[in-house]
Amino acid sequence: MNWQLDCAYNEAQKRTFHATAQSRLRQLAMIELQLEPSSFDIRSNKAGIAVSGEITLHHENVYVQVSQPFGGFDSGILIRTCNGRRDYTGGHNHFAPLTLLDDITALAARVRVVMGVEKP
C-alpha cells in the first residue's frame, strides 16, 4: 500500500486508505496484540474532502489512530495509553510512520513499548 498517496480530494484513494488501515489495525489487535474482540473498537471517520480522516483502534488500555498528517508521513500513526474506551485524550502522544502498517509485528512492538509491557 502506498500510504503517501494523498487522500485529499480523492474519494477512491480515501476509501482504499480507510479499508486497508482498518484491516491492518484489526490484524494488529487480534493477531499481534491478541486482544479480546470485546475489548476494543475500530472506528473510521472519513471527515471532509480535504483531509484523509482517521481510523482508530480504541482498546481499554491503548489508542492507535491512523491518518495522513499535514506534518509528514513519519507521524501518521498516533499511539497513546488510555483509561478505558471513553478516554479520548489518554496519555502522552507517541508517533510512528505510516509504513509500519506494512510491518504489523514491528508496529505491535512499538505499541507494547508505549503500553509499558515491553522495553524499547
PDB file of N, CA and C in Angstrom:
ATOM      1  N   MET A   1       0.856  -1.190   0.000  1.00  0.00           N
ATOM      2  CA  MET A   1       0.000   0.000   0.000  1.00  0.00           C
ATOM      3  C   MET A   1       0.891   1.239   0.000  1.00  0.00           C
ATOM      4  N   ASN A   2       0.562   2.176  -0.853  1.00  0.00           N
ATOM      5  CA  ASN A   2       1.273   3.453  -0.862  1.00  0.00           C
ATOM      6  C   ASN A   2       0.554   4.404   0.087  1.00  0.00           C
ATOM      7  N   TRP A   3       1.038   4.463   1.327  1.00  0.00           N
ATOM      8  CA  TRP A   3       0.401   5.272   2.369  1.00  0.00           C
ATOM      9  C   TRP A   3       0.559   6.761   2.105  1.00  0.00           C
ATOM     10  N   GLN A   4       1.461   7.138   1.196  1.00  0.00           N
ATOM     11  CA  GLN A   4       1.699   8.549   0.919  1.00  0.00           C
ATOM     12  C   GLN A   4       0.851   9.088  -0.226  1.00  0.00           C
ATOM     13  N   LEU A   5       0.117   8.220  -0.898  1.00  0.00           N
ATOM     14  CA  LEU A   5      -0.774   8.678  -1.959  1.00  0.00           C
ATOM     15  C   LEU A   5      -1.895   9.483  -1.322  1.00  0.00           C
ATOM     16  N   ASP A   6      -1.976  10.743  -1.664  1.00  0.00           N
ATOM     17  CA  ASP A   6      -2.851  11.702  -0.999  1.00  0.00           C
ATOM     18  C   ASP A   6      -4.331  11.328  -1.108  1.00  0.00           C
ATOM     19  N   CYS A   7      -4.995  11.349   0.048  1.00  0.00           N
ATOM     20  CA  CYS A   7      -6.440  11.073   0.113  1.00  0.00           C
ATOM     21  C   CYS A   7      -7.287  12.323  -0.133  1.00  0.00           C
ATOM     22  N   ALA A   8      -6.690  13.485   0.056  1.00  0.00           N
ATOM     23  CA  ALA A   8      -7.440  14.728  -0.101  1.00  0.00           C
ATOM     24  C   ALA A   8      -7.964  14.853  -1.531  1.00  0.00           C
ATOM     25  N   TYR A   9      -9.239  15.120  -1.644  1.00  0.00           N
ATOM     26  CA  TYR A   9      -9.917  15.308  -2.936  1.00  0.00           C
ATOM     27  C   TYR A   9      -9.849  14.062  -3.826  1.00  0.00           C
ATOM     28  N   ASN A  10      -9.644  12.893  -3.222  1.00  0.00           N
ATOM     29  CA  ASN A  10      -9.554  11.652  -3.983  1.00  0.00           C
ATOM     30  C   ASN A  10     -10.354  10.581  -3.237  1.00  0.00           C
ATOM     31  N   GLU A  11     -11.634  10.503  -3.513  1.00  0.00           N
ATOM     32  CA  GLU A  11     -12.537   9.613  -2.785  1.00  0.00           C
ATOM     33  C   GLU A  11     -12.143   8.149  -2.926  1.00  0.00           C
ATOM     34  N   ALA A  12     -11.705   7.728  -4.104  1.00  0.00           N
ATOM     35  CA  ALA A  12     -11.303   6.332  -4.294  1.00  0.00           C
ATOM     36  C   ALA A  12     -10.088   6.005  -3.425  1.00  0.00           C
ATOM     37  N   GLN A  13      -9.106   6.884  -3.380  1.00  0.00           N
ATOM     38  CA  GLN A  13      -7.923   6.654  -2.547  1.00  0.00           C
ATOM     39  C   GLN A  13      -8.292   6.669  -1.068  1.00  0.00           C
ATOM     40  N   LYS A  14      -9.178   7.568  -0.678  1.00  0.00           N
ATOM     41  CA  LYS A  14      -9.604   7.633   0.719  1.00  0.00           C
ATOM     42  C   LYS A  14     -10.294   6.336   1.121  1.00  0.00           C
ATOM     43  N   ARG A  15     -11.122   5.801   0.260  1.00  0.00           N
ATOM     44  CA  ARG A  15     -11.810   4.532   0.527  1.00  0.00           C
ATOM     45  C   ARG A  15     -10.798   3.402   0.718  1.00  0.00           C
ATOM     46  N   THR A  16      -9.786   3.340  -0.156  1.00  0.00           N
ATOM     47  CA  THR A  16      -8.734   2.328  -0.058  1.00  0.00           C
ATOM     48  C   THR A  16      -7.914   2.515   1.216  1.00  0.00           C
ATOM     49  N   PHE A  17      -7.557   3.753   1.514  1.00  0.00           N
ATOM     50  CA  PHE A  17      -6.784   4.077   2.714  1.00  0.00           C
ATOM     51  C   PHE A  17      -7.515   3.585   3.968  1.00  0.00           C
ATOM     52  N   HIS A  18      -8.794   3.900   4.064  1.00  0.00           N
ATOM     53  CA  HIS A  18      -9.589   3.521   5.240  1.00  0.00           C
ATOM     54  C   HIS A  18      -9.766   2.006   5.331  1.00  0.00           C
ATOM     55  N   ALA A  19     -10.092   1.370   4.230  1.00  0.00           N
ATOM     56  CA  ALA A  19     -10.307  -0.083   4.248  1.00  0.00           C
ATOM     57  C   ALA A  19      -9.024  -0.822   4.616  1.00  0.00           C
ATOM     58  N   THR A  20      -7.903  -0.403   4.049  1.00  0.00           N
ATOM     59  CA  THR A  20      -6.629  -1.070   4.329  1.00  0.00           C
ATOM     60  C   THR A  20      -6.192  -0.818   5.759  1.00  0.00           C
ATOM     61  N   ALA A  21      -6.307   0.419   6.229  1.00  0.00           N
ATOM     62  CA  ALA A  21      -5.921   0.733   7.608  1.00  0.00           C
ATOM     63  C   ALA A  21      -6.791  -0.025   8.605  1.00  0.00           C
ATOM     64  N   GLN A  22      -8.086  -0.124   8.334  1.00  0.00           N
ATOM     65  CA  GLN A  22      -8.972  -0.887   9.231  1.00  0.00           C
ATOM     66  C   GLN A  22      -8.535  -2.341   9.299  1.00  0.00           C
ATOM     67  N   SER A  23      -8.218  -2.913   8.173  1.00  0.00           N
ATOM     68  CA  SER A  23      -7.775  -4.301   8.111  1.00  0.00           C
ATOM     69  C   SER A  23      -6.473  -4.493   8.888  1.00  0.00           C
ATOM     70  N   ARG A  24      -5.530  -3.581   8.715  1.00  0.00           N
ATOM     71  CA  ARG A  24      -4.239  -3.691   9.402  1.00  0.00           C
ATOM     72  C   ARG A  24      -4.402  -3.501  10.912  1.00  0.00           C
ATOM     73  N   LEU A  25      -5.263  -2.573  11.325  1.00  0.00           N
ATOM     74  CA  LEU A  25      -5.489  -2.380  12.758  1.00  0.00           C
ATOM     75  C   LEU A  25      -6.194  -3.588  13.373  1.00  0.00           C
ATOM     76  N   ARG A  26      -7.075  -4.209  12.631  1.00  0.00           N
ATOM     77  CA  ARG A  26      -7.737  -5.432  13.114  1.00  0.00           C
ATOM     78  C   ARG A  26      -6.700  -6.540  13.283  1.00  0.00           C
ATOM     79  N   GLN A  27      -5.792  -6.658  12.322  1.00  0.00           N
ATOM     80  CA  GLN A  27      -4.713  -7.636  12.411  1.00  0.00           C
ATOM     81  C   GLN A  27      -3.821  -7.329  13.617  1.00  0.00           C
ATOM     82  N   LEU A  28      -3.495  -6.076  13.816  1.00  0.00           N
ATOM     83  CA  LEU A  28      -2.701  -5.657  14.976  1.00  0.00           C
ATOM     84  C   LEU A  28      -3.380  -6.101  16.271  1.00  0.00           C
ATOM     85  N   ALA A  29      -4.658  -5.805  16.388  1.00  0.00           N
ATOM     86  CA  ALA A  29      -5.393  -6.101  17.618  1.00  0.00           C
ATOM     87  C   ALA A  29      -5.549  -7.597  17.856  1.00  0.00           C
ATOM     88  N   MET A  30      -6.005  -8.316  16.852  1.00  0.00           N
ATOM     89  CA  MET A  30      -6.391  -9.713  17.040  1.00  0.00           C
ATOM     90  C   MET A  30      -5.196 -10.671  16.992  1.00  0.00           C
ATOM     91  N   ILE A  31      -4.287 -10.459  16.070  1.00  0.00           N
ATOM     92  CA  ILE A  31      -3.200 -11.421  15.866  1.00  0.00           C
ATOM     93  C   ILE A  31      -1.961 -11.046  16.676  1.00  0.00           C
ATOM     94  N   GLU A  32      -1.495  -9.823  16.520  1.00  0.00           N
ATOM     95  CA  GLU A  32      -0.237  -9.432  17.159  1.00  0.00           C
ATOM     96  C   GLU A  32      -0.379  -9.114  18.642  1.00  0.00           C
ATOM     97  N   LEU A  33      -1.421  -8.345  19.001  1.00  0.00           N
ATOM     98  CA  LEU A  33      -1.599  -7.980  20.407  1.00  0.00           C
ATOM     99  C   LEU A  33      -2.491  -8.973  21.148  1.00  0.00           C
ATOM    100  N   GLN A  34      -3.168  -9.836  20.402  1.00  0.00           N
ATOM    101  CA  GLN A  34      -4.059 -10.859  20.954  1.00  0.00           C
ATOM    102  C   GLN A  34      -5.080 -10.267  21.935  1.00  0.00           C
ATOM    103  N   LEU A  35      -5.711  -9.184  21.495  1.00  0.00           N
ATOM    104  CA  LEU A  35      -6.747  -8.546  22.304  1.00  0.00           C
ATOM    105  C   LEU A  35      -8.064  -9.287  22.142  1.00  0.00           C
ATOM    106  N   GLU A  36      -8.823  -9.362  23.202  1.00  0.00           N
ATOM    107  CA  GLU A  36     -10.157  -9.953  23.127  1.00  0.00           C
ATOM    108  C   GLU A  36     -11.030  -9.059  22.244  1.00  0.00           C
ATOM    109  N   PRO A  37     -11.799  -9.651  21.325  1.00  0.00           N
ATOM    110  CA  PRO A  37     -12.635  -8.841  20.424  1.00  0.00           C
ATOM    111  C   PRO A  37     -13.570  -7.870  21.152  1.00  0.00           C
ATOM    112  N   SER A  38     -14.032  -8.236  22.327  1.00  0.00           N
ATOM    113  CA  SER A  38     -14.942  -7.354  23.060  1.00  0.00           C
ATOM    114  C   SER A  38     -14.212  -6.218  23.778  1.00  0.00           C
ATOM    115  N   SER A  39     -12.862  -6.218  23.741  1.00  0.00           N
ATOM    116  CA  SER A  39     -12.103  -5.216  24.484  1.00  0.00           C
ATOM    117  C   SER A  39     -11.657  -4.027  23.629  1.00  0.00           C
ATOM    118  N   PHE A  40     -12.046  -4.000  22.354  1.00  0.00           N
ATOM    119  CA  PHE A  40     -11.627  -2.889  21.504  1.00  0.00           C
ATOM    120  C   PHE A  40     -12.675  -2.583  20.433  1.00  0.00           C
ATOM    121  N   ASP A  41     -12.585  -1.375  19.892  1.00  0.00           N
ATOM    122  CA  ASP A  41     -13.403  -0.932  18.765  1.00  0.00           C
ATOM    123  C   ASP A  41     -12.457  -0.459  17.671  1.00  0.00           C
ATOM    124  N   ILE A  42     -12.889  -0.585  16.434  1.00  0.00           N
ATOM    125  CA  ILE A  42     -12.179   0.037  15.314  1.00  0.00           C
ATOM    126  C   ILE A  42     -13.191   0.958  14.635  1.00  0.00           C
ATOM    127  N   ARG A  43     -12.821   2.243  14.584  1.00  0.00           N
ATOM    128  CA  ARG A  43     -13.721   3.255  14.008  1.00  0.00           C
ATOM    129  C   ARG A  43     -13.055   3.931  12.812  1.00  0.00           C
ATOM    130  N   SER A  44     -13.889   4.391  11.900  1.00  0.00           N
ATOM    131  CA  SER A  44     -13.413   5.111  10.733  1.00  0.00           C
ATOM    132  C   SER A  44     -14.188   6.416  10.621  1.00  0.00           C
ATOM    133  N   ASN A  45     -13.467   7.518  10.564  1.00  0.00           N
ATOM    134  CA  ASN A  45     -14.063   8.840  10.375  1.00  0.00           C
ATOM    135  C   ASN A  45     -13.449   9.428   9.116  1.00  0.00           C
ATOM    136  N   LYS A  46     -14.207   9.449   8.034  1.00  0.00           N
ATOM    137  CA  LYS A  46     -13.657   9.935   6.763  1.00  0.00           C
ATOM    138  C   LYS A  46     -13.486  11.446   6.726  1.00  0.00           C
ATOM    139  N   ALA A  47     -14.139  12.158   7.605  1.00  0.00           N
ATOM    140  CA  ALA A  47     -14.025  13.615   7.708  1.00  0.00           C
ATOM    141  C   ALA A  47     -14.351  14.299   6.373  1.00  0.00           C
ATOM    142  N   GLY A  48     -13.793  15.485   6.147  1.00  0.00           N
ATOM    143  CA  GLY A  48     -14.111  16.252   4.948  1.00  0.00           C
ATOM    144  C   GLY A  48     -13.280  15.869   3.741  1.00  0.00           C
ATOM    145  N   ILE A  49     -13.592  16.490   2.629  1.00  0.00           N
ATOM    146  CA  ILE A  49     -12.972  16.169   1.347  1.00  0.00           C
ATOM    147  C   ILE A  49     -11.482  16.520   1.293  1.00  0.00           C
ATOM    148  N   ALA A  50     -11.043  17.498   2.099  1.00  0.00           N
ATOM    149  CA  ALA A  50      -9.666  17.994   2.016  1.00  0.00           C
ATOM    150  C   ALA A  50      -8.678  17.254   2.917  1.00  0.00           C
ATOM    151  N   VAL A  51      -9.152  16.231   3.652  1.00  0.00           N
ATOM    152  CA  VAL A  51      -8.276  15.507   4.581  1.00  0.00           C
ATOM    153  C   VAL A  51      -8.484  14.002   4.443  1.00  0.00           C
ATOM    154  N   SER A  52      -7.577  13.239   5.046  1.00  0.00           N
ATOM    155  CA  SER A  52      -7.686  11.780   4.982  1.00  0.00           C
ATOM    156  C   SER A  52      -8.713  11.230   5.952  1.00  0.00           C
ATOM    157  N   GLY A  53      -9.015  11.976   7.003  1.00  0.00           N
ATOM    158  CA  GLY A  53      -9.815  11.423   8.082  1.00  0.00           C
ATOM    159  C   GLY A  53      -8.923  10.538   8.938  1.00  0.00           C
ATOM    160  N   GLU A  54      -9.538   9.746   9.822  1.00  0.00           N
ATOM    161  CA  GLU A  54      -8.726   8.882  10.661  1.00  0.00           C
ATOM    162  C   GLU A  54      -9.412   7.554  10.926  1.00  0.00           C
ATOM    163  N   ILE A  55      -8.593   6.555  11.169  1.00  0.00           N
ATOM    164  CA  ILE A  55      -9.045   5.218  11.503  1.00  0.00           C
ATOM    165  C   ILE A  55      -8.466   4.939  12.883  1.00  0.00           C
ATOM    166  N   THR A  56      -9.305   4.497  13.828  1.00  0.00           N
ATOM    167  CA  THR A  56      -8.896   4.374  15.214  1.00  0.00           C
ATOM    168  C   THR A  56      -9.143   2.983  15.758  1.00  0.00           C
ATOM    169  N   LEU A  57      -8.139   2.432  16.407  1.00  0.00           N
ATOM    170  CA  LEU A  57      -8.254   1.235  17.224  1.00  0.00           C
ATOM    171  C   LEU A  57      -8.270   1.735  18.660  1.00  0.00           C
ATOM    172  N   HIS A  58      -9.380   1.523  19.359  1.00  0.00           N
ATOM    173  CA  HIS A  58      -9.517   2.017  20.736  1.00  0.00           C
ATOM    174  C   HIS A  58      -9.750   0.828  21.650  1.00  0.00           C
ATOM    175  N   HIS A  59      -8.733   0.489  22.415  1.00  0.00           N
ATOM    176  CA  HIS A  59      -8.768  -0.609  23.381  1.00  0.00           C
ATOM    177  C   HIS A  59      -8.942  -0.011  24.777  1.00  0.00           C
ATOM    178  N   GLU A  60      -9.134  -0.850  25.752  1.00  0.00           N
ATOM    179  CA  GLU A  60      -9.276  -0.388  27.136  1.00  0.00           C
ATOM    180  C   GLU A  60      -8.018   0.321  27.646  1.00  0.00           C
ATOM    181  N   ASN A  61      -6.828  -0.069  27.120  1.00  0.00           N
ATOM    182  CA  ASN A  61      -5.566   0.473  27.631  1.00  0.00           C
ATOM    183  C   ASN A  61      -4.723   1.223  26.612  1.00  0.00           C
ATOM    184  N   VAL A  62      -5.096   1.168  25.334  1.00  0.00           N
ATOM    185  CA  VAL A  62      -4.291   1.827  24.310  1.00  0.00           C
ATOM    186  C   VAL A  62      -5.191   2.322  23.180  1.00  0.00           C
ATOM    187  N   TYR A  63      -4.719   3.390  22.549  1.00  0.00           N
ATOM    188  CA  TYR A  63      -5.441   4.079  21.489  1.00  0.00           C
ATOM    189  C   TYR A  63      -4.464   4.227  20.326  1.00  0.00           C
ATOM    190  N   VAL A  64      -4.802   3.696  19.146  1.00  0.00           N
ATOM    191  CA  VAL A  64      -3.938   3.791  17.972  1.00  0.00           C
ATOM    192  C   VAL A  64      -4.753   4.435  16.860  1.00  0.00           C
ATOM    193  N   GLN A  65      -4.273   5.548  16.336  1.00  0.00           N
ATOM    194  CA  GLN A  65      -5.020   6.273  15.311  1.00  0.00           C
ATOM    195  C   GLN A  65      -4.144   6.500  14.085  1.00  0.00           C
ATOM    196  N   VAL A  66      -4.715   6.249  12.907  1.00  0.00           N
ATOM    197  CA  VAL A  66      -4.014   6.365  11.634  1.00  0.00           C
ATOM    198  C   VAL A  66      -4.616   7.506  10.825  1.00  0.00           C
ATOM    199  N   SER A  67      -3.762   8.361  10.274  1.00  0.00           N
ATOM    200  CA  SER A  67      -4.215   9.433   9.381  1.00  0.00           C
ATOM    201  C   SER A  67      -3.030   9.892   8.541  1.00  0.00           C
ATOM    202  N   GLN A  68      -3.318  10.706   7.547  1.00  0.00           N
ATOM    203  CA  GLN A  68      -2.254  11.349   6.774  1.00  0.00           C
ATOM    204  C   GLN A  68      -2.090  12.760   7.328  1.00  0.00           C
ATOM    205  N   PRO A  69      -1.099  12.956   8.182  1.00  0.00           N
ATOM    206  CA  PRO A  69      -0.941  14.266   8.814  1.00  0.00           C
ATOM    207  C   PRO A  69      -0.336  15.289   7.861  1.00  0.00           C
ATOM    208  N   PHE A  70      -0.582  16.535   8.145  1.00  0.00           N
ATOM    209  CA  PHE A  70      -0.016  17.608   7.335  1.00  0.00           C
ATOM    210  C   PHE A  70       1.480  17.730   7.558  1.00  0.00           C
ATOM    211  N   GLY A  71       1.973  17.279   8.715  1.00  0.00           N
ATOM    212  CA  GLY A  71       3.375  17.439   9.073  1.00  0.00           C
ATOM    213  C   GLY A  71       4.312  16.412   8.473  1.00  0.00           C
ATOM    214  N   GLY A  72       3.812  15.429   7.753  1.00  0.00           N
ATOM    215  CA  GLY A  72       4.670  14.421   7.146  1.00  0.00           C
ATOM    216  C   GLY A  72       4.227  13.019   7.514  1.00  0.00           C
ATOM    217  N   PHE A  73       4.577  12.070   6.681  1.00  0.00           N
ATOM    218  CA  PHE A  73       4.083  10.711   6.823  1.00  0.00           C
ATOM    219  C   PHE A  73       4.813   9.916   7.901  1.00  0.00           C
ATOM    220  N   ASP A  74       5.883  10.495   8.461  1.00  0.00           N
ATOM    221  CA  ASP A  74       6.599   9.809   9.529  1.00  0.00           C
ATOM    222  C   ASP A  74       5.866   9.923  10.864  1.00  0.00           C
ATOM    223  N   SER A  75       4.749  10.615  10.890  1.00  0.00           N
ATOM    224  CA  SER A  75       3.973  10.767  12.127  1.00  0.00           C
ATOM    225  C   SER A  75       2.497  10.411  11.909  1.00  0.00           C
ATOM    226  N   GLY A  76       2.221   9.523  10.989  1.00  0.00           N
ATOM    227  CA  GLY A  76       0.839   9.199  10.637  1.00  0.00           C
ATOM    228  C   GLY A  76       0.131   8.229  11.564  1.00  0.00           C
ATOM    229  N   ILE A  77       0.893   7.597  12.464  1.00  0.00           N
ATOM    230  CA  ILE A  77       0.278   6.700  13.444  1.00  0.00           C
ATOM    231  C   ILE A  77       0.483   7.312  14.821  1.00  0.00           C
ATOM    232  N   LEU A  78      -0.613   7.569  15.502  1.00  0.00           N
ATOM    233  CA  LEU A  78      -0.595   8.081  16.870  1.00  0.00           C
ATOM    234  C   LEU A  78      -0.855   6.907  17.808  1.00  0.00           C
ATOM    235  N   ILE A  79       0.002   6.750  18.816  1.00  0.00           N
ATOM    236  CA  ILE A  79      -0.170   5.696  19.814  1.00  0.00           C
ATOM    237  C   ILE A  79      -0.131   6.356  21.182  1.00  0.00           C
ATOM    238  N   ARG A  80      -1.117   6.044  22.017  1.00  0.00           N
ATOM    239  CA  ARG A  80      -1.089   6.547  23.389  1.00  0.00           C
ATOM    240  C   ARG A  80      -1.905   5.644  24.304  1.00  0.00           C
ATOM    241  N   THR A  81      -1.560   5.674  25.550  1.00  0.00           N
ATOM    242  CA  THR A  81      -2.314   4.891  26.522  1.00  0.00           C
ATOM    243  C   THR A  81      -3.642   5.589  26.791  1.00  0.00           C
ATOM    244  N   CYS A  82      -4.578   4.835  27.336  1.00  0.00           N
ATOM    245  CA  CYS A  82      -5.856   5.412  27.721  1.00  0.00           C
ATOM    246  C   CYS A  82      -6.409   4.637  28.912  1.00  0.00           C
ATOM    247  N   ASN A  83      -7.426   5.190  29.512  1.00  0.00           N
ATOM    248  CA  ASN A  83      -8.071   4.573  30.658  1.00  0.00           C
ATOM    249  C   ASN A  83      -9.508   4.245  30.265  1.00  0.00           C
ATOM    250  N   GLY A  84      -9.663   3.194  29.486  1.00  0.00           N
ATOM    251  CA  GLY A  84     -10.993   2.794  29.012  1.00  0.00           C
ATOM    252  C   GLY A  84     -11.326   3.375  27.654  1.00  0.00           C
ATOM    253  N   ARG A  85     -12.404   2.863  27.071  1.00  0.00           N
ATOM    254  CA  ARG A  85     -12.786   3.296  25.724  1.00  0.00           C
ATOM    255  C   ARG A  85     -13.556   4.599  25.693  1.00  0.00           C
ATOM    256  N   ARG A  86     -13.782   5.194  26.822  1.00  0.00           N
ATOM    257  CA  ARG A  86     -14.393   6.529  26.852  1.00  0.00           C
ATOM    258  C   ARG A  86     -13.348   7.623  27.071  1.00  0.00           C
ATOM    259  N   ASP A  87     -12.098   7.223  27.179  1.00  0.00           N
ATOM    260  CA  ASP A  87     -10.987   8.158  27.339  1.00  0.00           C
ATOM    261  C   ASP A  87     -10.458   8.508  25.952  1.00  0.00           C
ATOM    262  N   TYR A  88     -10.701   9.748  25.521  1.00  0.00           N
ATOM    263  CA  TYR A  88     -10.296  10.174  24.186  1.00  0.00           C
ATOM    264  C   TYR A  88      -9.057  11.072  24.215  1.00  0.00           C
ATOM    265  N   THR A  89      -8.529  11.341  25.392  1.00  0.00           N
ATOM    266  CA  THR A  89      -7.340  12.180  25.486  1.00  0.00           C
ATOM    267  C   THR A  89      -6.120  11.368  25.872  1.00  0.00           C
ATOM    268  N   GLY A  90      -6.256  10.413  26.750  1.00  0.00           N
ATOM    269  CA  GLY A  90      -5.212   9.451  27.059  1.00  0.00           C
ATOM    270  C   GLY A  90      -3.919  10.027  27.581  1.00  0.00           C
ATOM    271  N   GLY A  91      -2.865   9.203  27.481  1.00  0.00           N
ATOM    272  CA  GLY A  91      -1.534   9.583  27.940  1.00  0.00           C
ATOM    273  C   GLY A  91      -0.804  10.397  26.890  1.00  0.00           C
ATOM    274  N   HIS A  92       0.521  10.402  27.006  1.00  0.00           N
ATOM    275  CA  HIS A  92       1.366  11.166  26.082  1.00  0.00           C
ATOM    276  C   HIS A  92       1.262  10.607  24.662  1.00  0.00           C
ATOM    277  N   ASN A  93       1.349  11.495  23.689  1.00  0.00           N
ATOM    278  CA  ASN A  93       1.322  11.092  22.294  1.00  0.00           C
ATOM    279  C   ASN A  93       2.681  10.523  21.869  1.00  0.00           C
ATOM    280  N   HIS A  94       2.628   9.407  21.140  1.00  0.00           N
ATOM    281  CA  HIS A  94       3.806   8.797  20.527  1.00  0.00           C
ATOM    282  C   HIS A  94       3.456   8.609  19.055  1.00  0.00           C
ATOM    283  N   PHE A  95       4.382   8.931  18.169  1.00  0.00           N
ATOM    284  CA  PHE A  95       4.096   8.857  16.746  1.00  0.00           C
ATOM    285  C   PHE A  95       4.988   7.835  16.058  1.00  0.00           C
ATOM    286  N   ALA A  96       4.445   7.242  15.010  1.00  0.00           N
ATOM    287  CA  ALA A  96       5.173   6.260  14.204  1.00  0.00           C
ATOM    288  C   ALA A  96       4.831   6.510  12.733  1.00  0.00           C
ATOM    289  N   PRO A  97       5.707   6.082  11.831  1.00  0.00           N
ATOM    290  CA  PRO A  97       5.441   6.293  10.398  1.00  0.00           C
ATOM    291  C   PRO A  97       4.331   5.378   9.884  1.00  0.00           C
ATOM    292  N   LEU A  98       3.611   5.858   8.897  1.00  0.00           N
ATOM    293  CA  LEU A  98       2.549   5.065   8.279  1.00  0.00           C
ATOM    294  C   LEU A  98       3.064   3.750   7.713  1.00  0.00           C
ATOM    295  N   THR A  99       4.320   3.710   7.304  1.00  0.00           N
ATOM    296  CA  THR A  99       4.877   2.485   6.720  1.00  0.00           C
ATOM    297  C   THR A  99       4.873   1.313   7.702  1.00  0.00           C
ATOM    298  N   LEU A 100       4.765   1.579   9.005  1.00  0.00           N
ATOM    299  CA  LEU A 100       4.677   0.478   9.969  1.00  0.00           C
ATOM    300  C   LEU A 100       3.387  -0.325   9.802  1.00  0.00           C
ATOM    301  N   LEU A 101       2.421   0.226   9.097  1.00  0.00           N
ATOM    302  CA  LEU A 101       1.204  -0.544   8.809  1.00  0.00           C
ATOM    303  C   LEU A 101       1.495  -1.700   7.859  1.00  0.00           C
ATOM    304  N   ASP A 102       2.658  -1.670   7.225  1.00  0.00           N
ATOM    305  CA  ASP A 102       3.092  -2.768   6.367  1.00  0.00           C
ATOM    306  C   ASP A 102       3.957  -3.772   7.126  1.00  0.00           C
ATOM    307  N   ASP A 103       4.247  -3.495   8.385  1.00  0.00           N
ATOM    308  CA  ASP A 103       5.009  -4.398   9.249  1.00  0.00           C
ATOM    309  C   ASP A 103       4.315  -4.426  10.610  1.00  0.00           C
ATOM    310  N   ILE A 104       3.230  -5.175  10.674  1.00  0.00           N
ATOM    311  CA  ILE A 104       2.378  -5.192  11.862  1.00  0.00           C
ATOM    312  C   ILE A 104       3.128  -5.711  13.089  1.00  0.00           C
ATOM    313  N   THR A 105       4.066  -6.614  12.903  1.00  0.00           N
ATOM    314  CA  THR A 105       4.855  -7.120  14.034  1.00  0.00           C
ATOM    315  C   THR A 105       5.666  -5.986  14.662  1.00  0.00           C
ATOM    316  N   ALA A 106       6.298  -5.168  13.837  1.00  0.00           N
ATOM    317  CA  ALA A 106       7.070  -4.027  14.342  1.00  0.00           C
ATOM    318  C   ALA A 106       6.157  -2.986  14.973  1.00  0.00           C
ATOM    319  N   LEU A 107       4.998  -2.761  14.377  1.00  0.00           N
ATOM    320  CA  LEU A 107       4.037  -1.820  14.958  1.00  0.00           C
ATOM    321  C   LEU A 107       3.572  -2.327  16.321  1.00  0.00           C
ATOM    322  N   ALA A 108       3.302  -3.618  16.439  1.00  0.00           N
ATOM    323  CA  ALA A 108       2.872  -4.193  17.710  1.00  0.00           C
ATOM    324  C   ALA A 108       3.938  -4.000  18.781  1.00  0.00           C
ATOM    325  N   ALA A 109       5.206  -4.171  18.407  1.00  0.00           N
ATOM    326  CA  ALA A 109       6.296  -3.959  19.358  1.00  0.00           C
ATOM    327  C   ALA A 109       6.297  -2.512  19.842  1.00  0.00           C
ATOM    328  N   ARG A 110       6.083  -1.581  18.930  1.00  0.00           N
ATOM    329  CA  ARG A 110       6.035  -0.156  19.288  1.00  0.00           C
ATOM    330  C   ARG A 110       4.859   0.116  20.226  1.00  0.00           C
ATOM    331  N   VAL A 111       3.709  -0.489  19.955  1.00  0.00           N
ATOM    332  CA  VAL A 111       2.517  -0.317  20.802  1.00  0.00           C
ATOM    333  C   VAL A 111       2.791  -0.882  22.196  1.00  0.00           C
ATOM    334  N   ARG A 112       3.418  -2.044  22.268  1.00  0.00           N
ATOM    335  CA  ARG A 112       3.713  -2.650  23.570  1.00  0.00           C
ATOM    336  C   ARG A 112       4.665  -1.774  24.388  1.00  0.00           C
ATOM    337  N   VAL A 113       5.606  -1.124  23.734  1.00  0.00           N
ATOM    338  CA  VAL A 113       6.515  -0.209  24.438  1.00  0.00           C
ATOM    339  C   VAL A 113       5.713   0.951  25.037  1.00  0.00           C
ATOM    340  N   VAL A 114       4.826   1.544  24.254  1.00  0.00           N
ATOM    341  CA  VAL A 114       4.006   2.648  24.750  1.00  0.00           C
ATOM    342  C   VAL A 114       3.137   2.189  25.912  1.00  0.00           C
ATOM    343  N   MET A 115       2.610   0.956  25.819  1.00  0.00           N
ATOM    344  CA  MET A 115       1.770   0.416  26.889  1.00  0.00           C
ATOM    345  C   MET A 115       2.580   0.066  28.138  1.00  0.00           C
ATOM    346  N   GLY A 116       3.904  -0.001  27.998  1.00  0.00           N
ATOM    347  CA  GLY A 116       4.751  -0.316  29.127  1.00  0.00           C
ATOM    348  C   GLY A 116       4.898  -1.803  29.406  1.00  0.00           C
ATOM    349  N   VAL A 117       4.514  -2.637  28.439  1.00  0.00           N
ATOM    350  CA  VAL A 117       4.622  -4.088  28.638  1.00  0.00           C
ATOM    351  C   VAL A 117       5.850  -4.671  27.952  1.00  0.00           C
ATOM    352  N   GLU A 118       6.613  -3.835  27.250  1.00  0.00           N
ATOM    353  CA  GLU A 118       7.822  -4.270  26.562  1.00  0.00           C
ATOM    354  C   GLU A 118       8.832  -3.140  26.615  1.00  0.00           C
ATOM    355  N   LYS A 119      10.097  -3.478  26.714  1.00  0.00           N
ATOM    356  CA  LYS A 119      11.150  -2.442  26.731  1.00  0.00           C
ATOM    357  C   LYS A 119      11.541  -2.080  25.309  1.00  0.00           C
ATOM    358  N   PRO A 120      11.958  -0.820  25.113  1.00  0.00           N
ATOM    359  CA  PRO A 120      12.342  -0.385  23.763  1.00  0.00           C
ATOM    360  C   PRO A 120      13.541  -1.122  23.208  1.00  0.00           C
TER     361      PRO A 120
END
